[in-house]
């Protein structure tokens, strides 16, 4: 099956995905440069209130969740770029039907039609 998207559209989406990849990698790098949480050293102080330590732990978990979300997004972007290379970008993985350009505009990493999600 030939790809329903023109070479120009594929090139356009590839550029969009490469830009998203760059932004996501920069966010991951920035997240890793700040560490899990820069105020962890305060936990060693004996005068910290237990609620402060709970807040600190919550923030660390939130940061870890955000990092995981960014890494998942990066994987989705890389998968979409691979589909462009393989010639399967813009084709539903479930039904094999073309994914509307409007859906790809809104979500360049889309794998399936909206109704198949």
PDB file of N, CA and C in Angstrom:
ATOM      1  N   UNK A   1       0.843  -1.184   0.000  1.00  0.00           N
ATOM      2  CA  UNK A   1       0.000   0.000   0.000  1.00  0.00           C
ATOM      3  C   UNK A   1       0.884   1.242   0.000  1.00  0.00           C
ATOM      4  N   UNK A   2       0.602   2.151  -0.890  1.00  0.00           N
ATOM      5  CA  UNK A   2       1.386   3.383  -0.930  1.00  0.00           C
ATOM      6  C   UNK A   2       0.872   4.345   0.131  1.00  0.00           C
ATOM      7  N   UNK A   3       1.747   5.216   0.579  1.00  0.00           N
ATOM      8  CA  UNK A   3       1.378   6.163   1.620  1.00  0.00           C
ATOM      9  C   UNK A   3       0.428   7.205   1.050  1.00  0.00           C
ATOM     10  N   UNK A   4      -0.667   7.483   1.773  1.00  0.00           N
ATOM     11  CA  UNK A   4      -1.651   8.460   1.288  1.00  0.00           C
ATOM     12  C   UNK A   4      -1.160   9.909   1.373  1.00  0.00           C
ATOM     13  N   UNK A   5      -0.070  10.145   2.076  1.00  0.00           N
ATOM     14  CA  UNK A   5       0.448  11.501   2.227  1.00  0.00           C
ATOM     15  C   UNK A   5       1.456  11.824   1.130  1.00  0.00           C
ATOM     16  N   UNK A   6       1.419  13.055   0.644  1.00  0.00           N
ATOM     17  CA  UNK A   6       2.379  13.490  -0.368  1.00  0.00           C
ATOM     18  C   UNK A   6       3.775  13.596   0.258  1.00  0.00           C
ATOM     19  N   UNK A   7       4.782  13.636  -0.575  1.00  0.00           N
ATOM     20  CA  UNK A   7       6.156  13.792  -0.090  1.00  0.00           C
ATOM     21  C   UNK A   7       6.305  15.096   0.683  1.00  0.00           C
ATOM     22  N   UNK A   8       5.596  16.137   0.218  1.00  0.00           N
ATOM     23  CA  UNK A   8       5.661  17.437   0.895  1.00  0.00           C
ATOM     24  C   UNK A   8       5.083  17.337   2.301  1.00  0.00           C
ATOM     25  N   UNK A   9       3.920  16.634   2.431  1.00  0.00           N
ATOM     26  CA  UNK A   9       3.287  16.478   3.749  1.00  0.00           C
ATOM     27  C   UNK A   9       4.171  15.640   4.660  1.00  0.00           C
ATOM     28  N   UNK A  10       4.741  14.572   4.121  1.00  0.00           N
ATOM     29  CA  UNK A  10       5.634  13.742   4.935  1.00  0.00           C
ATOM     30  C   UNK A  10       6.831  14.557   5.418  1.00  0.00           C
ATOM     31  N   UNK A  11       7.380  15.372   4.544  1.00  0.00           N
ATOM     32  CA  UNK A  11       8.506  16.226   4.912  1.00  0.00           C
ATOM     33  C   UNK A  11       8.088  17.222   5.987  1.00  0.00           C
ATOM     34  N   UNK A  12       6.898  17.792   5.821  1.00  0.00           N
ATOM     35  CA  UNK A  12       6.367  18.741   6.806  1.00  0.00           C
ATOM     36  C   UNK A  12       6.242  18.078   8.179  1.00  0.00           C
ATOM     37  N   UNK A  13       5.634  16.887   8.231  1.00  0.00           N
ATOM     38  CA  UNK A  13       5.457  16.203   9.513  1.00  0.00           C
ATOM     39  C   UNK A  13       6.794  15.755  10.102  1.00  0.00           C
ATOM     40  N   UNK A  14       7.732  15.386   9.250  1.00  0.00           N
ATOM     41  CA  UNK A  14       9.058  15.011   9.744  1.00  0.00           C
ATOM     42  C   UNK A  14       9.713  16.204  10.435  1.00  0.00           C
ATOM     43  N   UNK A  15       9.613  17.388   9.823  1.00  0.00           N
ATOM     44  CA  UNK A  15      10.171  18.599  10.443  1.00  0.00           C
ATOM     45  C   UNK A  15       9.480  18.897  11.769  1.00  0.00           C
ATOM     46  N   UNK A  16       8.149  18.741  11.796  1.00  0.00           N
ATOM     47  CA  UNK A  16       7.392  18.963  13.041  1.00  0.00           C
ATOM     48  C   UNK A  16       7.890  18.012  14.128  1.00  0.00           C
ATOM     49  N   UNK A  17       8.035  16.753  13.781  1.00  0.00           N
ATOM     50  CA  UNK A  17       8.472  15.740  14.744  1.00  0.00           C
ATOM     51  C   UNK A  17       9.903  15.989  15.207  1.00  0.00           C
ATOM     52  N   UNK A  18      10.774  16.392  14.290  1.00  0.00           N
ATOM     53  CA  UNK A  18      12.163  16.684  14.678  1.00  0.00           C
ATOM     54  C   UNK A  18      12.220  17.868  15.638  1.00  0.00           C
ATOM     55  N   UNK A  19      11.370  18.864  15.418  1.00  0.00           N
ATOM     56  CA  UNK A  19      11.313  20.009  16.328  1.00  0.00           C
ATOM     57  C   UNK A  19      10.782  19.578  17.696  1.00  0.00           C
ATOM     58  N   UNK A  20       9.730  18.759  17.718  1.00  0.00           N
ATOM     59  CA  UNK A  20       9.197  18.236  18.985  1.00  0.00           C
ATOM     60  C   UNK A  20      10.251  17.408  19.711  1.00  0.00           C
ATOM     61  N   UNK A  21      11.017  16.630  18.948  1.00  0.00           N
ATOM     62  CA  UNK A  21      12.068  15.795  19.538  1.00  0.00           C
ATOM     63  C   UNK A  21      13.122  16.683  20.195  1.00  0.00           C
ATOM     64  N   UNK A  22      13.540  17.719  19.495  1.00  0.00           N
ATOM     65  CA  UNK A  22      14.550  18.628  20.031  1.00  0.00           C
ATOM     66  C   UNK A  22      14.050  19.280  21.325  1.00  0.00           C
ATOM     67  N   UNK A  23      12.820  19.767  21.308  1.00  0.00           N
ATOM     68  CA  UNK A  23      12.243  20.408  22.496  1.00  0.00           C
ATOM     69  C   UNK A  23      12.136  19.431  23.658  1.00  0.00           C
ATOM     70  N   UNK A  24      11.705  18.212  23.371  1.00  0.00           N
ATOM     71  CA  UNK A  24      11.556  17.202  24.421  1.00  0.00           C
ATOM     72  C   UNK A  24      12.910  16.818  24.998  1.00  0.00           C
ATOM     73  N   UNK A  25      13.905  16.646  24.135  1.00  0.00           N
ATOM     74  CA  UNK A  25      15.255  16.319  24.624  1.00  0.00           C
ATOM     75  C   UNK A  25      15.802  17.445  25.496  1.00  0.00           C
ATOM     76  N   UNK A  26      15.522  18.696  25.120  1.00  0.00           N
ATOM     77  CA  UNK A  26      15.972  19.831  25.933  1.00  0.00           C
ATOM     78  C   UNK A  26      15.268  19.843  27.290  1.00  0.00           C
ATOM     79  N   UNK A  27      13.972  19.501  27.307  1.00  0.00           N
ATOM     80  CA  UNK A  27      13.240  19.435  28.577  1.00  0.00           C
ATOM     81  C   UNK A  27      13.801  18.333  29.468  1.00  0.00           C
ATOM     82  N   UNK A  28      14.118  17.181  28.871  1.00  0.00           N
ATOM     83  CA  UNK A  28      14.690  16.073  29.644  1.00  0.00           C
ATOM     84  C   UNK A  28      16.036  16.488  30.214  1.00  0.00           C
ATOM     85  N   UNK A  29      16.853  17.129  29.388  1.00  0.00           N
ATOM     86  CA  UNK A  29      18.173  17.577  29.835  1.00  0.00           C
ATOM     87  C   UNK A  29      18.038  18.593  30.976  1.00  0.00           C
ATOM     88  N   UNK A  30      17.120  19.540  30.841  1.00  0.00           N
ATOM     89  CA  UNK A  30      16.911  20.541  31.886  1.00  0.00           C
ATOM     90  C   UNK A  30      16.423  19.882  33.171  1.00  0.00           C
ATOM     91  N   UNK A  31      15.532  18.914  33.029  1.00  0.00           N
ATOM     92  CA  UNK A  31      15.000  18.190  34.201  1.00  0.00           C
ATOM     93  C   UNK A  31      16.119  17.432  34.909  1.00  0.00           C
ATOM     94  N   UNK A  32      16.997  16.802  34.133  1.00  0.00           N
ATOM     95  CA  UNK A  32      18.095  16.036  34.720  1.00  0.00           C
ATOM     96  C   UNK A  32      19.160  16.937  35.329  1.00  0.00           C
ATOM     97  N   UNK A  33      19.330  18.142  34.782  1.00  0.00           N
ATOM     98  CA  UNK A  33      20.327  19.064  35.325  1.00  0.00           C
ATOM     99  C   UNK A  33      19.936  19.626  36.681  1.00  0.00           C
ATOM    100  N   UNK A  34      18.632  19.682  36.964  1.00  0.00           N
ATOM    101  CA  UNK A  34      18.201  20.180  38.263  1.00  0.00           C
ATOM    102  C   UNK A  34      18.191  19.072  39.295  1.00  0.00           C
ATOM    103  N   UNK A  35      18.368  17.847  38.862  1.00  0.00           N
ATOM    104  CA  UNK A  35      18.341  16.720  39.781  1.00  0.00           C
ATOM    105  C   UNK A  35      16.909  16.448  40.195  1.00  0.00           C
ATOM    106  N   UNK A  36      16.700  15.426  41.032  1.00  0.00           N
ATOM    107  CA  UNK A  36      15.347  15.104  41.454  1.00  0.00           C
ATOM    108  C   UNK A  36      14.693  16.294  42.144  1.00  0.00           C
ATOM    109  N   UNK A  37      15.464  16.954  42.994  1.00  0.00           N
ATOM    110  CA  UNK A  37      14.973  18.168  43.635  1.00  0.00           C
ATOM    111  C   UNK A  37      16.155  18.803  44.346  1.00  0.00           C
ATOM    112  N   UNK A  38      16.389  20.061  44.066  1.00  0.00           N
ATOM    113  CA  UNK A  38      17.602  20.700  44.570  1.00  0.00           C
ATOM    114  C   UNK A  38      17.585  20.943  46.066  1.00  0.00           C
ATOM    115  N   UNK A  39      16.432  20.863  46.688  1.00  0.00           N
ATOM    116  CA  UNK A  39      16.374  21.159  48.112  1.00  0.00           C
ATOM    117  C   UNK A  39      16.462  19.908  48.975  1.00  0.00           C
ATOM    118  N   UNK A  40      16.886  18.794  48.409  1.00  0.00           N
ATOM    119  CA  UNK A  40      16.971  17.547  49.167  1.00  0.00           C
ATOM    120  C   UNK A  40      17.872  17.692  50.380  1.00  0.00           C
ATOM    121  N   UNK A  41      18.916  18.484  50.287  1.00  0.00           N
ATOM    122  CA  UNK A  41      19.822  18.678  51.400  1.00  0.00           C
ATOM    123  C   UNK A  41      19.112  19.148  52.652  1.00  0.00           C
ATOM    124  N   UNK A  42      18.004  19.824  52.500  1.00  0.00           N
ATOM    125  CA  UNK A  42      17.259  20.296  53.652  1.00  0.00           C
ATOM    126  C   UNK A  42      16.698  19.151  54.475  1.00  0.00           C
ATOM    127  N   UNK A  43      16.518  17.989  53.892  1.00  0.00           N
ATOM    128  CA  UNK A  43      15.972  16.863  54.630  1.00  0.00           C
ATOM    129  C   UNK A  43      16.892  16.431  55.766  1.00  0.00           C
ATOM    130  N   UNK A  44      18.163  16.768  55.680  1.00  0.00           N
ATOM    131  CA  UNK A  44      19.106  16.393  56.725  1.00  0.00           C
ATOM    132  C   UNK A  44      18.964  17.283  57.957  1.00  0.00           C
ATOM    133  N   UNK A  45      18.334  18.412  57.833  1.00  0.00           N
ATOM    134  CA  UNK A  45      18.151  19.308  58.965  1.00  0.00           C
ATOM    135  C   UNK A  45      17.114  18.732  59.916  1.00  0.00           C
ATOM    136  N   UNK A  46      17.457  18.728  61.194  1.00  0.00           N
ATOM    137  CA  UNK A  46      16.569  18.134  62.179  1.00  0.00           C
ATOM    138  C   UNK A  46      15.366  19.006  62.494  1.00  0.00           C
ATOM    139  N   UNK A  47      15.429  20.281  62.154  1.00  0.00           N
ATOM    140  CA  UNK A  47      14.325  21.166  62.480  1.00  0.00           C
ATOM    141  C   UNK A  47      13.223  21.171  61.424  1.00  0.00           C
ATOM    142  N   UNK A  48      13.361  20.340  60.378  1.00  0.00           N
ATOM    143  CA  UNK A  48      12.308  20.275  59.360  1.00  0.00           C
ATOM    144  C   UNK A  48      11.058  19.656  59.946  1.00  0.00           C
ATOM    145  N   UNK A  49       9.964  20.235  59.616  1.00  0.00           N
ATOM    146  CA  UNK A  49       8.678  19.713  60.045  1.00  0.00           C
ATOM    147  C   UNK A  49       8.338  18.491  59.185  1.00  0.00           C
ATOM    148  N   UNK A  50       7.722  17.450  59.746  1.00  0.00           N
ATOM    149  CA  UNK A  50       7.379  16.258  58.953  1.00  0.00           C
ATOM    150  C   UNK A  50       6.552  16.581  57.700  1.00  0.00           C
ATOM    151  N   UNK A  51       5.704  17.590  57.767  1.00  0.00           N
ATOM    152  CA  UNK A  51       4.909  17.968  56.598  1.00  0.00           C
ATOM    153  C   UNK A  51       5.803  18.513  55.489  1.00  0.00           C
ATOM    154  N   UNK A  52       6.874  19.212  55.876  1.00  0.00           N
ATOM    155  CA  UNK A  52       7.817  19.712  54.868  1.00  0.00           C
ATOM    156  C   UNK A  52       8.492  18.551  54.148  1.00  0.00           C
ATOM    157  N   UNK A  53       8.850  17.511  54.921  1.00  0.00           N
ATOM    158  CA  UNK A  53       9.484  16.348  54.303  1.00  0.00           C
ATOM    159  C   UNK A  53       8.500  15.621  53.393  1.00  0.00           C
ATOM    160  N   UNK A  54       7.226  15.569  53.784  1.00  0.00           N
ATOM    161  CA  UNK A  54       6.208  14.951  52.937  1.00  0.00           C
ATOM    162  C   UNK A  54       6.047  15.714  51.640  1.00  0.00           C
ATOM    163  N   UNK A  55       6.070  17.038  51.735  1.00  0.00           N
ATOM    164  CA  UNK A  55       5.971  17.874  50.545  1.00  0.00           C
ATOM    165  C   UNK A  55       7.168  17.627  49.632  1.00  0.00           C
ATOM    166  N   UNK A  56       8.335  17.515  50.249  1.00  0.00           N
ATOM    167  CA  UNK A  56       9.561  17.256  49.482  1.00  0.00           C
ATOM    168  C   UNK A  56       9.459  15.929  48.739  1.00  0.00           C
ATOM    169  N   UNK A  57       8.996  14.898  49.416  1.00  0.00           N
ATOM    170  CA  UNK A  57       8.850  13.584  48.778  1.00  0.00           C
ATOM    171  C   UNK A  57       7.827  13.638  47.654  1.00  0.00           C
ATOM    172  N   UNK A  58       6.726  14.368  47.874  1.00  0.00           N
ATOM    173  CA  UNK A  58       5.713  14.521  46.836  1.00  0.00           C
ATOM    174  C   UNK A  58       6.310  15.188  45.605  1.00  0.00           C
ATOM    175  N   UNK A  59       7.093  16.239  45.813  1.00  0.00           N
ATOM    176  CA  UNK A  59       7.706  16.957  44.695  1.00  0.00           C
ATOM    177  C   UNK A  59       8.685  16.064  43.947  1.00  0.00           C
ATOM    178  N   UNK A  60       9.413  15.226  44.669  1.00  0.00           N
ATOM    179  CA  UNK A  60      10.338  14.299  44.009  1.00  0.00           C
ATOM    180  C   UNK A  60       9.572  13.298  43.148  1.00  0.00           C
ATOM    181  N   UNK A  61       8.451  12.792  43.655  1.00  0.00           N
ATOM    182  CA  UNK A  61       7.635  11.849  42.889  1.00  0.00           C
ATOM    183  C   UNK A  61       7.034  12.534  41.666  1.00  0.00           C
ATOM    184  N   UNK A  62       6.628  13.782  41.840  1.00  0.00           N
ATOM    185  CA  UNK A  62       6.080  14.551  40.731  1.00  0.00           C
ATOM    186  C   UNK A  62       7.134  14.741  39.642  1.00  0.00           C
ATOM    187  N   UNK A  63       8.354  15.077  40.057  1.00  0.00           N
ATOM    188  CA  UNK A  63       9.459  15.240  39.104  1.00  0.00           C
ATOM    189  C   UNK A  63       9.745  13.927  38.370  1.00  0.00           C
ATOM    190  N   UNK A  64       9.725  12.819  39.094  1.00  0.00           N
ATOM    191  CA  UNK A  64       9.981  11.515  38.473  1.00  0.00           C
ATOM    192  C   UNK A  64       8.884  11.184  37.462  1.00  0.00           C
ATOM    193  N   UNK A  65       7.642  11.503  37.800  1.00  0.00           N
ATOM    194  CA  UNK A  65       6.530  11.269  36.878  1.00  0.00           C
ATOM    195  C   UNK A  65       6.649  12.130  35.631  1.00  0.00           C
ATOM    196  N   UNK A  66       7.064  13.377  35.814  1.00  0.00           N
ATOM    197  CA  UNK A  66       7.245  14.286  34.682  1.00  0.00           C
ATOM    198  C   UNK A  66       8.348  13.772  33.769  1.00  0.00           C
ATOM    199  N   UNK A  67       9.439  13.290  34.355  1.00  0.00           N
ATOM    200  CA  UNK A  67      10.546  12.744  33.568  1.00  0.00           C
ATOM    201  C   UNK A  67      10.078  11.531  32.765  1.00  0.00           C
ATOM    202  N   UNK A  68       9.297  10.665  33.390  1.00  0.00           N
ATOM    203  CA  UNK A  68       8.777   9.484  32.702  1.00  0.00           C
ATOM    204  C   UNK A  68       7.863   9.898  31.544  1.00  0.00           C
ATOM    205  N   UNK A  69       7.018  10.915  31.763  1.00  0.00           N
ATOM    206  CA  UNK A  69       6.132  11.413  30.716  1.00  0.00           C
ATOM    207  C   UNK A  69       6.950  11.940  29.527  1.00  0.00           C
ATOM    208  N   UNK A  70       8.023  12.677  29.821  1.00  0.00           N
ATOM    209  CA  UNK A  70       8.870  13.210  28.746  1.00  0.00           C
ATOM    210  C   UNK A  70       9.535  12.085  27.966  1.00  0.00           C
ATOM    211  N   UNK A  71      10.003  11.075  28.669  1.00  0.00           N
ATOM    212  CA  UNK A  71      10.657   9.944  27.992  1.00  0.00           C
ATOM    213  C   UNK A  71       9.654   9.153  27.136  1.00  0.00           C
ATOM    214  N   UNK A  72       8.417   9.024  27.627  1.00  0.00           N
ATOM    215  CA  UNK A  72       7.371   8.372  26.828  1.00  0.00           C
ATOM    216  C   UNK A  72       7.080   9.184  25.567  1.00  0.00           C
ATOM    217  N   UNK A  73       7.013  10.524  25.720  1.00  0.00           N
ATOM    218  CA  UNK A  73       6.763  11.394  24.567  1.00  0.00           C
ATOM    219  C   UNK A  73       7.887  11.247  23.551  1.00  0.00           C
ATOM    220  N   UNK A  74       9.133  11.200  24.032  1.00  0.00           N
ATOM    221  CA  UNK A  74      10.279  11.045  23.135  1.00  0.00           C
ATOM    222  C   UNK A  74      10.203   9.722  22.377  1.00  0.00           C
ATOM    223  N   UNK A  75       9.778   8.662  23.056  1.00  0.00           N
ATOM    224  CA  UNK A  75       9.638   7.359  22.397  1.00  0.00           C
ATOM    225  C   UNK A  75       8.566   7.413  21.312  1.00  0.00           C
ATOM    226  N   UNK A  76       7.443   8.085  21.593  1.00  0.00           N
ATOM    227  CA  UNK A  76       6.379   8.228  20.598  1.00  0.00           C
ATOM    228  C   UNK A  76       6.876   8.997  19.368  1.00  0.00           C
ATOM    229  N   UNK A  77       7.658  10.040  19.613  1.00  0.00           N
ATOM    230  CA  UNK A  77       8.220  10.833  18.504  1.00  0.00           C
ATOM    231  C   UNK A  77       9.167   9.985  17.670  1.00  0.00           C
ATOM    232  N   UNK A  78      10.047   9.248  18.342  1.00  0.00           N
ATOM    233  CA  UNK A  78      10.989   8.381  17.625  1.00  0.00           C
ATOM    234  C   UNK A  78      10.254   7.303  16.823  1.00  0.00           C
ATOM    235  N   UNK A  79       9.166   6.771  17.397  1.00  0.00           N
ATOM    236  CA  UNK A  79       8.365   5.770  16.679  1.00  0.00           C
ATOM    237  C   UNK A  79       7.737   6.380  15.426  1.00  0.00           C
ATOM    238  N   UNK A  80       7.230   7.608  15.547  1.00  0.00           N
ATOM    239  CA  UNK A  80       6.620   8.282  14.393  1.00  0.00           C
ATOM    240  C   UNK A  80       7.671   8.541  13.309  1.00  0.00           C
ATOM    241  N   UNK A  81       8.865   8.958  13.707  1.00  0.00           N
ATOM    242  CA  UNK A  81       9.945   9.178  12.737  1.00  0.00           C
ATOM    243  C   UNK A  81      10.324   7.871  12.037  1.00  0.00           C
ATOM    244  N   UNK A  82      10.315   6.782  12.781  1.00  0.00           N
ATOM    245  CA  UNK A  82      10.592   5.465  12.187  1.00  0.00           C
ATOM    246  C   UNK A  82       9.505   5.109  11.173  1.00  0.00           C
ATOM    247  N   UNK A  83       8.234   5.427  11.495  1.00  0.00           N
ATOM    248  CA  UNK A  83       7.144   5.131  10.560  1.00  0.00           C
ATOM    249  C   UNK A  83       7.282   5.962   9.281  1.00  0.00           C
ATOM    250  N   UNK A  84       7.771   7.188   9.396  1.00  0.00           N
ATOM    251  CA  UNK A  84       8.026   7.989   8.193  1.00  0.00           C
ATOM    252  C   UNK A  84       9.074   7.287   7.332  1.00  0.00           C
ATOM    253  N   UNK A  85      10.136   6.851   7.975  1.00  0.00           N
ATOM    254  CA  UNK A  85      11.219   6.173   7.253  1.00  0.00           C
ATOM    255  C   UNK A  85      10.735   4.865   6.611  1.00  0.00           C
ATOM    256  N   UNK A  86       9.873   4.135   7.345  1.00  0.00           N
ATOM    257  CA  UNK A  86       9.358   2.852   6.854  1.00  0.00           C
ATOM    258  C   UNK A  86       8.247   3.002   5.816  1.00  0.00           C
ATOM    259  N   UNK A  87       7.712   4.221   5.693  1.00  0.00           N
ATOM    260  CA  UNK A  87       6.621   4.435   4.746  1.00  0.00           C
ATOM    261  C   UNK A  87       5.246   4.109   5.300  1.00  0.00           C
ATOM    262  N   UNK A  88       5.132   3.957   6.623  1.00  0.00           N
ATOM    263  CA  UNK A  88       3.841   3.619   7.229  1.00  0.00           C
ATOM    264  C   UNK A  88       3.235   4.777   8.018  1.00  0.00           C
ATOM    265  N   UNK A  89       3.878   5.930   7.991  1.00  0.00           N
ATOM    266  CA  UNK A  89       3.357   7.100   8.718  1.00  0.00           C
ATOM    267  C   UNK A  89       2.044   7.546   8.078  1.00  0.00           C
ATOM    268  N   UNK A  90       1.071   7.870   8.918  1.00  0.00           N
ATOM    269  CA  UNK A  90      -0.214   8.342   8.416  1.00  0.00           C
ATOM    270  C   UNK A  90      -1.181   7.217   8.087  1.00  0.00           C
ATOM    271  N   UNK A  91      -0.793   5.985   8.423  1.00  0.00           N
ATOM    272  CA  UNK A  91      -1.645   4.820   8.192  1.00  0.00           C
ATOM    273  C   UNK A  91      -1.923   4.177   9.555  1.00  0.00           C
ATOM    274  N   UNK A  92      -3.186   3.951   9.848  1.00  0.00           N
ATOM    275  CA  UNK A  92      -3.574   3.371  11.135  1.00  0.00           C
ATOM    276  C   UNK A  92      -2.927   2.006  11.332  1.00  0.00           C
ATOM    277  N   UNK A  93      -2.356   1.818  12.509  1.00  0.00           N
ATOM    278  CA  UNK A  93      -1.755   0.524  12.824  1.00  0.00           C
ATOM    279  C   UNK A  93      -2.826  -0.532  13.070  1.00  0.00           C
ATOM    280  N   UNK A  94      -4.032  -0.111  13.453  1.00  0.00           N
ATOM    281  CA  UNK A  94      -5.106  -1.076  13.738  1.00  0.00           C
ATOM    282  C   UNK A  94      -5.856  -1.492  12.479  1.00  0.00           C
ATOM    283  N   UNK A  95      -6.261  -0.515  11.665  1.00  0.00           N
ATOM    284  CA  UNK A  95      -7.122  -0.833  10.521  1.00  0.00           C
ATOM    285  C   UNK A  95      -6.423  -0.737   9.170  1.00  0.00           C
ATOM    286  N   UNK A  96      -5.286  -0.059   9.119  1.00  0.00           N
ATOM    287  CA  UNK A  96      -4.603   0.141   7.845  1.00  0.00           C
ATOM    288  C   UNK A  96      -5.203   1.258   7.020  1.00  0.00           C
ATOM    289  N   UNK A  97      -6.184   1.975   7.594  1.00  0.00           N
ATOM    290  CA  UNK A  97      -6.814   3.094   6.890  1.00  0.00           C
ATOM    291  C   UNK A  97      -5.967   4.353   7.057  1.00  0.00           C
ATOM    292  N   UNK A  98      -6.057   5.289   6.122  1.00  0.00           N
ATOM    293  CA  UNK A  98      -5.322   6.552   6.246  1.00  0.00           C
ATOM    294  C   UNK A  98      -5.807   7.363   7.454  1.00  0.00           C
ATOM    295  N   UNK A  99      -4.866   7.940   8.167  1.00  0.00           N
ATOM    296  CA  UNK A  99      -5.189   8.835   9.278  1.00  0.00           C
ATOM    297  C   UNK A  99      -5.385  10.227   8.682  1.00  0.00           C
ATOM    298  N   UNK A 100      -6.505  10.888   8.986  1.00  0.00           N
ATOM    299  CA  UNK A 100      -6.745  12.226   8.419  1.00  0.00           C
ATOM    300  C   UNK A 100      -5.623  13.208   8.771  1.00  0.00           C
ATOM    301  N   UNK A 101      -5.287  14.062   7.818  1.00  0.00           N
ATOM    302  CA  UNK A 101      -4.237  15.058   8.023  1.00  0.00           C
ATOM    303  C   UNK A 101      -4.547  15.926   9.237  1.00  0.00           C
ATOM    304  N   UNK A 102      -5.831  16.231   9.463  1.00  0.00           N
ATOM    305  CA  UNK A 102      -6.216  17.060  10.608  1.00  0.00           C
ATOM    306  C   UNK A 102      -5.796  16.404  11.928  1.00  0.00           C
ATOM    307  N   UNK A 103      -5.926  15.094  12.009  1.00  0.00           N
ATOM    308  CA  UNK A 103      -5.512  14.385  13.227  1.00  0.00           C
ATOM    309  C   UNK A 103      -3.994  14.457  13.378  1.00  0.00           C
ATOM    310  N   UNK A 104      -3.281  14.276  12.276  1.00  0.00           N
ATOM    311  CA  UNK A 104      -1.819  14.341  12.335  1.00  0.00           C
ATOM    312  C   UNK A 104      -1.347  15.750  12.669  1.00  0.00           C
ATOM    313  N   UNK A 105      -2.089  16.759  12.207  1.00  0.00           N
ATOM    314  CA  UNK A 105      -1.754  18.151  12.552  1.00  0.00           C
ATOM    315  C   UNK A 105      -1.857  18.347  14.064  1.00  0.00           C
ATOM    316  N   UNK A 106      -2.938  17.805  14.651  1.00  0.00           N
ATOM    317  CA  UNK A 106      -3.172  17.965  16.082  1.00  0.00           C
ATOM    318  C   UNK A 106      -2.252  17.068  16.905  1.00  0.00           C
ATOM    319  N   UNK A 107      -1.941  15.899  16.368  1.00  0.00           N
ATOM    320  CA  UNK A 107      -1.137  14.919  17.101  1.00  0.00           C
ATOM    321  C   UNK A 107      -0.219  14.194  16.119  1.00  0.00           C
ATOM    322  N   UNK A 108       0.947  14.769  15.832  1.00  0.00           N
ATOM    323  CA  UNK A 108       1.838  14.188  14.817  1.00  0.00           C
ATOM    324  C   UNK A 108       2.306  12.766  15.121  1.00  0.00           C
ATOM    325  N   UNK A 109       2.164  12.327  16.364  1.00  0.00           N
ATOM    326  CA  UNK A 109       2.596  10.979  16.725  1.00  0.00           C
ATOM    327  C   UNK A 109       1.454   9.964  16.638  1.00  0.00           C
ATOM    328  N   UNK A 110       0.287  10.367  16.137  1.00  0.00           N
ATOM    329  CA  UNK A 110      -0.882   9.484  16.081  1.00  0.00           C
ATOM    330  C   UNK A 110      -0.570   8.178  15.350  1.00  0.00           C
ATOM    331  N   UNK A 111      -1.019   7.088  15.927  1.00  0.00           N
ATOM    332  CA  UNK A 111      -0.816   5.752  15.354  1.00  0.00           C
ATOM    333  C   UNK A 111      -2.099   5.200  14.736  1.00  0.00           C
ATOM    334  N   UNK A 112      -3.230   5.738  15.201  1.00  0.00           N
ATOM    335  CA  UNK A 112      -4.530   5.181  14.805  1.00  0.00           C
ATOM    336  C   UNK A 112      -5.543   6.286  14.574  1.00  0.00           C
ATOM    337  N   UNK A 113      -6.668   5.912  14.011  1.00  0.00           N
ATOM    338  CA  UNK A 113      -7.787   6.830  13.856  1.00  0.00           C
ATOM    339  C   UNK A 113      -8.361   7.155  15.246  1.00  0.00           C
ATOM    340  N   UNK A 114      -9.008   8.278  15.393  1.00  0.00           N
ATOM    341  CA  UNK A 114      -9.595   8.682  16.671  1.00  0.00           C
ATOM    342  C   UNK A 114     -10.525   7.592  17.195  1.00  0.00           C
ATOM    343  N   UNK A 115     -11.380   7.086  16.336  1.00  0.00           N
ATOM    344  CA  UNK A 115     -12.376   6.090  16.782  1.00  0.00           C
ATOM    345  C   UNK A 115     -11.753   4.745  17.146  1.00  0.00           C
ATOM    346  N   UNK A 116     -10.492   4.558  16.842  1.00  0.00           N
ATOM    347  CA  UNK A 116      -9.820   3.287  17.170  1.00  0.00           C
ATOM    348  C   UNK A 116      -9.048   3.359  18.491  1.00  0.00           C
ATOM    349  N   UNK A 117      -9.010   4.522  19.082  1.00  0.00           N
ATOM    350  CA  UNK A 117      -8.268   4.690  20.347  1.00  0.00           C
ATOM    351  C   UNK A 117      -8.990   4.035  21.490  1.00  0.00           C
TER     352      UNK A 117
END
